[in-house]
């Protein structure tokens, strides 16, 4: 056994990750990662999820091998919201594909936040009408803010609407991002693009509210049996990152009995096509290759900035 050629393994904290994360480059990286996943170029097992029953939390390991090699270790503690602590905490480890040597460790919280919104941006760009102009965001947390920042990279939204269970939080977010706070139904009615980013375990989005041709990004997750969308909403065209992952982890799909019409990577590669005039649901559960690809992007930018 020989010693690693990188004895001082770099650790990138949240601030360093933020400084190295270019959102437009991230969207492009997610587009590539999703395409590679669906064409079979990625080796990725099911998310290994362990319940921390004594404390109401979950611990997950998410490895992936593609053009990059790495793993995200993440915890999810829903009860942290009441403690004013982040509900998700994560670390990402990257390894050199050619030799297996460890290259870097970095905080995964911001990466998880940003890559989720970037994946939604990829789906929105591929599925939403090109004339989309009204964005509705259901939720007031980290992902709501991330989507409000990232989705305008692929569509122009002169009108943004916000709903949250906490009216004060919704009003504060609306003021922060230049939106209007309103009821969930009012926000969704006639909206072109809808984001569901809540911790709901029972549906908060009704299919009856969706106009024909609307596109929904469903990214909230609160256990494999929790749902944000009702059966009517899930009766539309459903697109996923991974058929296998959503069958195991998506409460929206498991609870409604819906099946995926396509993976987003299949649409990006042209293997499958979807009419933009139909109502589409992008049900996202997150994948390891997204985290590893995003972390690699950060690592490359950090090395360039530090001339390594």
Protein backbone atom coordinates (compact mmCIF):
# COMPACT_ATOMS: atom_id res chain seq x y z
CA UNK A 1 0.00 0.00 0.00
CA UNK A 2 1.31 3.44 -0.89
CA UNK A 3 0.42 6.73 0.66
CA UNK A 4 -2.01 9.05 -1.09
CA UNK A 5 -0.41 11.74 -3.21
CA UNK A 6 -2.81 14.20 -1.56
CA UNK A 7 -2.01 14.01 2.16
CA UNK A 8 -3.65 17.37 2.88
CA UNK A 9 -7.14 16.76 1.61
CA UNK A 10 -8.85 20.08 0.82
CA UNK A 11 -12.08 20.86 2.63
CA UNK A 12 -14.39 23.41 1.00
CA UNK A 13 -16.87 25.03 3.36
CA UNK A 14 -20.16 26.64 2.37
CA UNK A 15 -18.59 30.00 1.59
CA UNK A 16 -15.96 28.45 -0.66
CA UNK A 17 -18.56 26.33 -2.43
CA UNK A 18 -20.71 29.41 -3.02
CA UNK A 19 -17.77 31.32 -4.46
CA UNK A 20 -17.05 28.49 -6.91
CA UNK A 21 -20.60 27.67 -7.97
CA UNK A 22 -21.67 29.29 -11.24
CA UNK A 23 -25.41 28.74 -11.72
CA UNK A 24 -25.41 28.74 -15.52
CA UNK A 25 -22.55 26.22 -15.55
CA UNK A 26 -24.44 24.18 -12.96
CA UNK A 27 -27.56 24.02 -15.13
CA UNK A 28 -25.43 22.80 -18.04
CA UNK A 29 -23.76 20.20 -15.80
CA UNK A 30 -27.14 18.93 -14.60
CA UNK A 31 -28.38 18.67 -18.18
CA UNK A 32 -25.37 16.52 -19.02
CA UNK A 33 -25.63 14.38 -15.87
CA UNK A 34 -29.31 13.64 -16.46
CA UNK A 35 -28.63 12.69 -20.07
CA UNK A 36 -25.77 10.41 -19.08
CA UNK A 37 -27.91 8.76 -16.41
CA UNK A 38 -30.66 7.86 -18.85
CA UNK A 39 -28.29 6.58 -21.53
CA UNK A 40 -26.71 4.16 -19.05
CA UNK A 41 -23.37 5.93 -18.63
CA UNK A 42 -23.81 6.28 -14.87
CA UNK A 43 -23.49 3.57 -12.22
CA UNK A 44 -25.67 4.53 -9.30
CA UNK A 45 -27.34 2.26 -6.72
CA UNK A 46 -30.54 3.09 -4.90
CA UNK A 47 -30.16 5.69 -2.19
CA UNK A 48 -29.22 3.89 1.04
CA UNK A 49 -31.61 5.38 3.59
CA UNK A 50 -31.42 4.56 7.28
CA UNK A 51 -33.93 5.83 9.80
CA UNK A 52 -32.62 7.46 12.97
CA UNK A 53 -35.81 6.52 14.77
CA UNK A 54 -34.82 7.74 18.22
CA UNK A 55 -34.45 11.29 16.95
CA UNK A 56 -36.95 11.44 14.08
CA UNK A 57 -34.32 11.67 11.38
CA UNK A 58 -32.81 9.89 8.39
CA UNK A 59 -29.25 9.23 7.26
CA UNK A 60 -28.52 8.47 3.61
CA UNK A 61 -25.54 7.49 1.48
CA UNK A 62 -25.61 8.40 -2.21
CA UNK A 63 -22.66 7.13 -4.29
CA UNK A 64 -22.30 7.55 -8.04
CA UNK A 65 -19.78 6.71 -10.73
CA UNK A 66 -19.84 8.54 -14.04
CA UNK A 67 -17.31 10.93 -15.48
CA UNK A 68 -16.68 11.69 -11.79
CA UNK A 69 -16.59 9.42 -8.74
CA UNK A 70 -18.00 10.41 -5.39
CA UNK A 71 -20.54 10.03 -2.63
CA UNK A 72 -22.86 12.32 -0.72
CA UNK A 73 -23.64 11.60 2.90
CA UNK A 74 -26.78 13.44 3.98
CA UNK A 75 -29.04 13.68 7.00
CA UNK A 76 -32.68 14.75 6.98
CA UNK A 77 -34.27 15.79 10.28
CA UNK A 78 -37.70 17.37 9.66
CA UNK A 79 -37.97 18.41 13.31
CA UNK A 80 -34.98 20.73 12.90
CA UNK A 81 -37.28 23.32 11.32
CA UNK A 82 -38.85 23.96 14.73
CA UNK A 83 -35.35 24.34 16.21
CA UNK A 84 -34.31 26.86 13.56
CA UNK A 85 -31.68 24.39 12.34
CA UNK A 86 -31.27 23.21 8.75
CA UNK A 87 -33.37 20.12 8.06
CA UNK A 88 -30.77 18.79 5.60
CA UNK A 89 -27.04 18.53 6.31
CA UNK A 90 -24.61 16.95 3.90
CA UNK A 91 -20.99 16.25 2.99
CA UNK A 92 -19.66 15.25 -0.42
CA UNK A 93 -16.47 13.28 -1.02
CA UNK A 94 -14.81 13.24 -4.45
CA UNK A 95 -12.30 10.67 -5.69
CA UNK A 96 -9.94 10.75 -8.64
CA UNK A 97 -11.56 8.53 -11.30
CA UNK A 98 -8.20 7.38 -12.71
CA UNK A 99 -6.66 6.21 -9.42
CA UNK A 100 -9.35 6.20 -6.75
CA UNK A 101 -7.41 8.70 -4.64
CA UNK A 102 -9.50 11.11 -2.54
CA UNK A 103 -9.46 14.61 -4.03
CA UNK A 104 -11.67 16.78 -1.85
CA UNK A 105 -14.35 16.99 0.81
CA UNK A 106 -16.93 19.73 0.70
CA UNK A 107 -20.04 20.88 2.46
CA UNK A 108 -23.01 19.53 0.55
CA UNK A 109 -25.81 21.74 1.84
CA UNK A 110 -25.55 24.49 -0.75
CA UNK A 111 -24.84 21.98 -3.50
CA UNK A 112 -28.00 20.05 -2.64
CA UNK A 113 -29.99 23.29 -2.64
CA UNK A 114 -28.56 24.61 -5.89
CA UNK A 115 -28.49 21.39 -7.90
CA UNK A 116 -32.14 20.69 -7.06
CA UNK A 117 -33.19 24.05 -8.47
CA UNK A 118 -30.84 23.62 -11.44
CA UNK A 119 -32.41 20.25 -12.27
CA UNK A 120 -35.84 21.90 -12.12
CA UNK A 121 -34.50 24.56 -14.48
CA UNK A 122 -33.42 21.86 -16.92
CA UNK A 123 -36.87 20.26 -16.74
CA UNK A 124 -38.62 23.61 -17.08
CA UNK A 125 -36.55 24.50 -20.12
CA UNK A 126 -37.36 21.15 -21.74
CA UNK A 127 -41.06 20.94 -20.83
CA UNK A 128 -42.60 24.35 -20.11
CA UNK A 129 -44.07 26.53 -22.84
CA UNK A 130 -41.49 28.90 -24.27
CA UNK A 131 -43.91 31.74 -23.57
CA UNK A 132 -44.21 30.88 -19.84
CA UNK A 133 -44.42 34.10 -17.84
CA UNK A 134 -46.19 33.35 -14.53
CA UNK A 135 -44.38 31.42 -11.82
CA UNK A 136 -46.12 30.08 -8.70
CA UNK A 137 -44.03 28.88 -5.76
CA UNK A 138 -45.66 26.81 -3.03
CA UNK A 139 -43.34 26.87 -0.04
CA UNK A 140 -41.20 29.46 1.72
CA UNK A 141 -38.01 27.62 2.61
CA UNK A 142 -34.58 27.10 1.11
CA UNK A 143 -35.83 25.43 -2.05
CA UNK A 144 -38.45 28.11 -2.64
CA UNK A 145 -35.72 30.74 -2.63
CA UNK A 146 -33.38 28.65 -4.75
CA UNK A 147 -36.04 28.11 -7.41
CA UNK A 148 -36.96 31.79 -7.41
CA UNK A 149 -33.31 32.54 -8.16
CA UNK A 150 -32.57 29.79 -10.68
CA UNK A 151 -35.71 29.32 -12.81
CA UNK A 152 -35.50 32.83 -14.32
CA UNK A 153 -32.29 31.62 -15.99
CA UNK A 154 -34.42 29.58 -18.42
CA UNK A 155 -37.68 31.57 -18.61
CA UNK A 156 -38.67 35.20 -18.07
CA UNK A 157 -41.19 35.49 -15.21
CA UNK A 158 -42.54 39.03 -14.88
CA UNK A 159 -45.11 37.68 -12.43
CA UNK A 160 -44.17 35.53 -9.43
CA UNK A 161 -46.65 34.29 -6.84
CA UNK A 162 -45.93 32.74 -3.45
CA UNK A 163 -47.92 30.66 -1.00
CA UNK A 164 -46.90 29.24 2.37
CA UNK A 165 -48.67 27.70 5.34
CA UNK A 166 -47.21 30.52 7.42
CA UNK A 167 -48.69 33.73 6.04
CA UNK A 168 -45.98 35.91 7.55
CA UNK A 169 -43.23 33.79 6.01
CA UNK A 170 -44.97 33.92 2.64
CA UNK A 171 -45.28 37.70 2.83
CA UNK A 172 -41.61 38.02 3.80
CA UNK A 173 -40.45 35.81 0.93
CA UNK A 174 -42.69 37.63 -1.53
CA UNK A 175 -41.19 40.97 -0.47
CA UNK A 176 -37.69 39.51 -0.73
CA UNK A 177 -38.04 38.18 -4.29
CA UNK A 178 -40.45 40.73 -5.74
CA UNK A 179 -43.48 38.43 -5.72
CA UNK A 180 -47.06 38.51 -4.43
CA UNK A 181 -48.26 36.34 -1.57
CA UNK A 182 -51.68 34.71 -1.97
CA UNK A 183 -53.62 31.51 -1.39
CA UNK A 184 -52.35 28.28 -2.92
CA UNK A 185 -55.27 28.08 -5.33
CA UNK A 186 -54.93 31.70 -6.43
CA UNK A 187 -51.19 31.24 -6.95
CA UNK A 188 -51.61 28.15 -9.11
CA UNK A 189 -54.62 29.22 -11.20
CA UNK A 190 -53.38 30.30 -14.66
CA UNK A 191 -49.71 29.91 -13.64
CA UNK A 192 -47.45 28.63 -16.40
CA UNK A 193 -44.86 27.05 -14.09
CA UNK A 194 -45.52 25.80 -10.56
CA UNK A 195 -42.95 24.81 -7.95
CA UNK A 196 -43.98 22.60 -5.03
CA UNK A 197 -41.21 22.87 -2.44
CA UNK A 198 -42.80 22.00 0.88
CA UNK A 199 -42.54 19.39 3.61
CA UNK A 200 -46.20 18.46 3.16
CA UNK A 201 -47.18 14.85 3.66
CA UNK A 202 -50.70 15.37 2.29
CA UNK A 203 -51.46 17.07 -1.04
CA UNK A 204 -51.29 20.86 -1.16
CA UNK A 205 -51.56 21.12 -4.96
CA UNK A 206 -54.86 20.21 -6.60
CA UNK A 207 -54.88 19.14 -10.22
CA UNK A 208 -58.13 21.03 -10.72
CA UNK A 209 -56.22 24.28 -10.27
CA UNK A 210 -53.71 23.61 -13.07
CA UNK A 211 -54.32 25.12 -16.45
CA UNK A 212 -53.77 22.99 -19.52
CA UNK A 213 -50.13 23.22 -20.55
CA UNK A 214 -48.82 24.16 -17.11
CA UNK A 215 -45.55 22.65 -15.95
CA UNK A 216 -45.03 21.56 -12.31
CA UNK A 217 -41.71 20.97 -10.58
CA UNK A 218 -42.45 18.83 -7.51
CA UNK A 219 -39.32 18.80 -5.35
CA UNK A 220 -40.58 18.61 -1.77
CA UNK A 221 -39.96 15.34 0.02
CA UNK A 222 -41.05 14.21 3.46
CA UNK A 223 -40.64 10.41 3.51
CA UNK A 224 -41.47 8.01 0.68
CA UNK A 225 -45.18 8.13 1.50
CA UNK A 226 -45.60 11.89 1.87
CA UNK A 227 -47.30 13.73 -0.98
CA UNK A 228 -47.57 17.26 -2.33
CA UNK A 229 -49.80 16.55 -5.37
CA UNK A 230 -53.26 14.98 -5.48
CA UNK A 231 -54.35 12.17 -7.79
CA UNK A 232 -55.77 14.54 -10.40
CA UNK A 233 -52.48 16.39 -10.70
CA UNK A 234 -50.58 13.11 -10.98
CA UNK A 235 -52.94 12.04 -13.77
CA UNK A 236 -51.06 14.36 -16.14
CA UNK A 237 -47.87 13.52 -18.05
CA UNK A 238 -45.27 12.56 -15.43
CA UNK A 239 -41.54 12.99 -16.00
CA UNK A 240 -38.90 11.79 -13.54
CA UNK A 241 -35.14 11.73 -13.11
CA UNK A 242 -35.10 7.96 -12.59
CA UNK A 243 -37.96 5.50 -12.91
CA UNK A 244 -36.33 3.22 -10.39
CA UNK A 245 -35.71 5.92 -7.80
CA UNK A 246 -39.17 7.45 -7.97
CA UNK A 247 -40.87 4.06 -7.81
CA UNK A 248 -39.10 3.49 -4.50
CA UNK A 249 -39.05 7.01 -3.04
CA UNK A 250 -41.72 9.27 -4.52
CA UNK A 251 -44.81 9.60 -2.35
CA UNK A 252 -46.56 11.38 -5.21
CA UNK A 253 -46.14 8.35 -7.46
CA UNK A 254 -46.52 5.67 -4.81
CA UNK A 255 -49.66 7.24 -3.39
CA UNK A 256 -51.39 7.97 -6.69
CA UNK A 257 -50.41 4.84 -8.58
CA UNK A 258 -49.09 6.99 -11.43
CA UNK A 259 -46.37 5.76 -13.74
CA UNK A 260 -43.57 7.76 -15.29
CA UNK A 261 -44.02 8.61 -18.97
CA UNK A 262 -40.33 9.35 -19.43
CA UNK A 263 -37.09 10.20 -17.70
CA UNK A 264 -35.97 13.78 -18.26
CA UNK A 265 -32.67 12.46 -19.65
CA UNK A 266 -34.58 10.63 -22.38
CA UNK A 267 -36.25 13.87 -23.40
CA UNK A 268 -32.96 15.76 -23.34
CA UNK A 269 -31.33 13.18 -25.62
CA UNK A 270 -34.31 13.09 -27.99
CA UNK A 271 -35.06 9.43 -27.25
CA UNK A 272 -38.54 10.51 -26.16
CA UNK A 273 -40.54 13.65 -26.80
CA UNK A 274 -43.34 15.42 -24.96
CA UNK A 275 -45.77 17.94 -26.45
CA UNK A 276 -45.28 21.25 -24.62
CA UNK A 277 -49.01 21.88 -24.94
CA UNK A 278 -49.82 19.17 -22.38
CA UNK A 279 -49.67 19.58 -18.60
CA UNK A 280 -46.46 18.09 -17.25
CA UNK A 281 -45.38 17.03 -13.78
CA UNK A 282 -41.65 16.75 -13.08
CA UNK A 283 -41.43 14.62 -9.95
CA UNK A 284 -37.92 15.02 -8.57
CA UNK A 285 -36.40 12.99 -5.74
CA UNK A 286 -32.75 13.90 -6.34
CA UNK A 287 -29.92 11.64 -7.51
CA UNK A 288 -26.35 11.05 -6.44
CA UNK A 289 -24.94 11.80 -9.89
CA UNK A 290 -26.39 15.32 -9.62
CA UNK A 291 -24.47 15.91 -6.40
CA UNK A 292 -21.26 14.39 -7.67
CA UNK A 293 -21.41 16.33 -10.96
CA UNK A 294 -22.12 19.59 -9.10
CA UNK A 295 -19.30 18.95 -6.63
CA UNK A 296 -16.92 18.24 -9.49
CA UNK A 297 -17.85 21.57 -11.06
CA UNK A 298 -17.08 23.31 -7.76
CA UNK A 299 -13.81 21.40 -7.38
CA UNK A 300 -12.64 22.34 -10.86
CA UNK A 301 -13.41 26.02 -10.24
CA UNK A 302 -11.64 25.91 -6.86
CA UNK A 303 -8.54 24.32 -8.40
CA UNK A 304 -8.44 26.95 -11.14
CA UNK A 305 -8.80 29.77 -8.62
CA UNK A 306 -6.05 28.26 -6.45
CA UNK A 307 -3.88 27.18 -9.40
CA UNK A 308 -3.73 23.52 -8.41
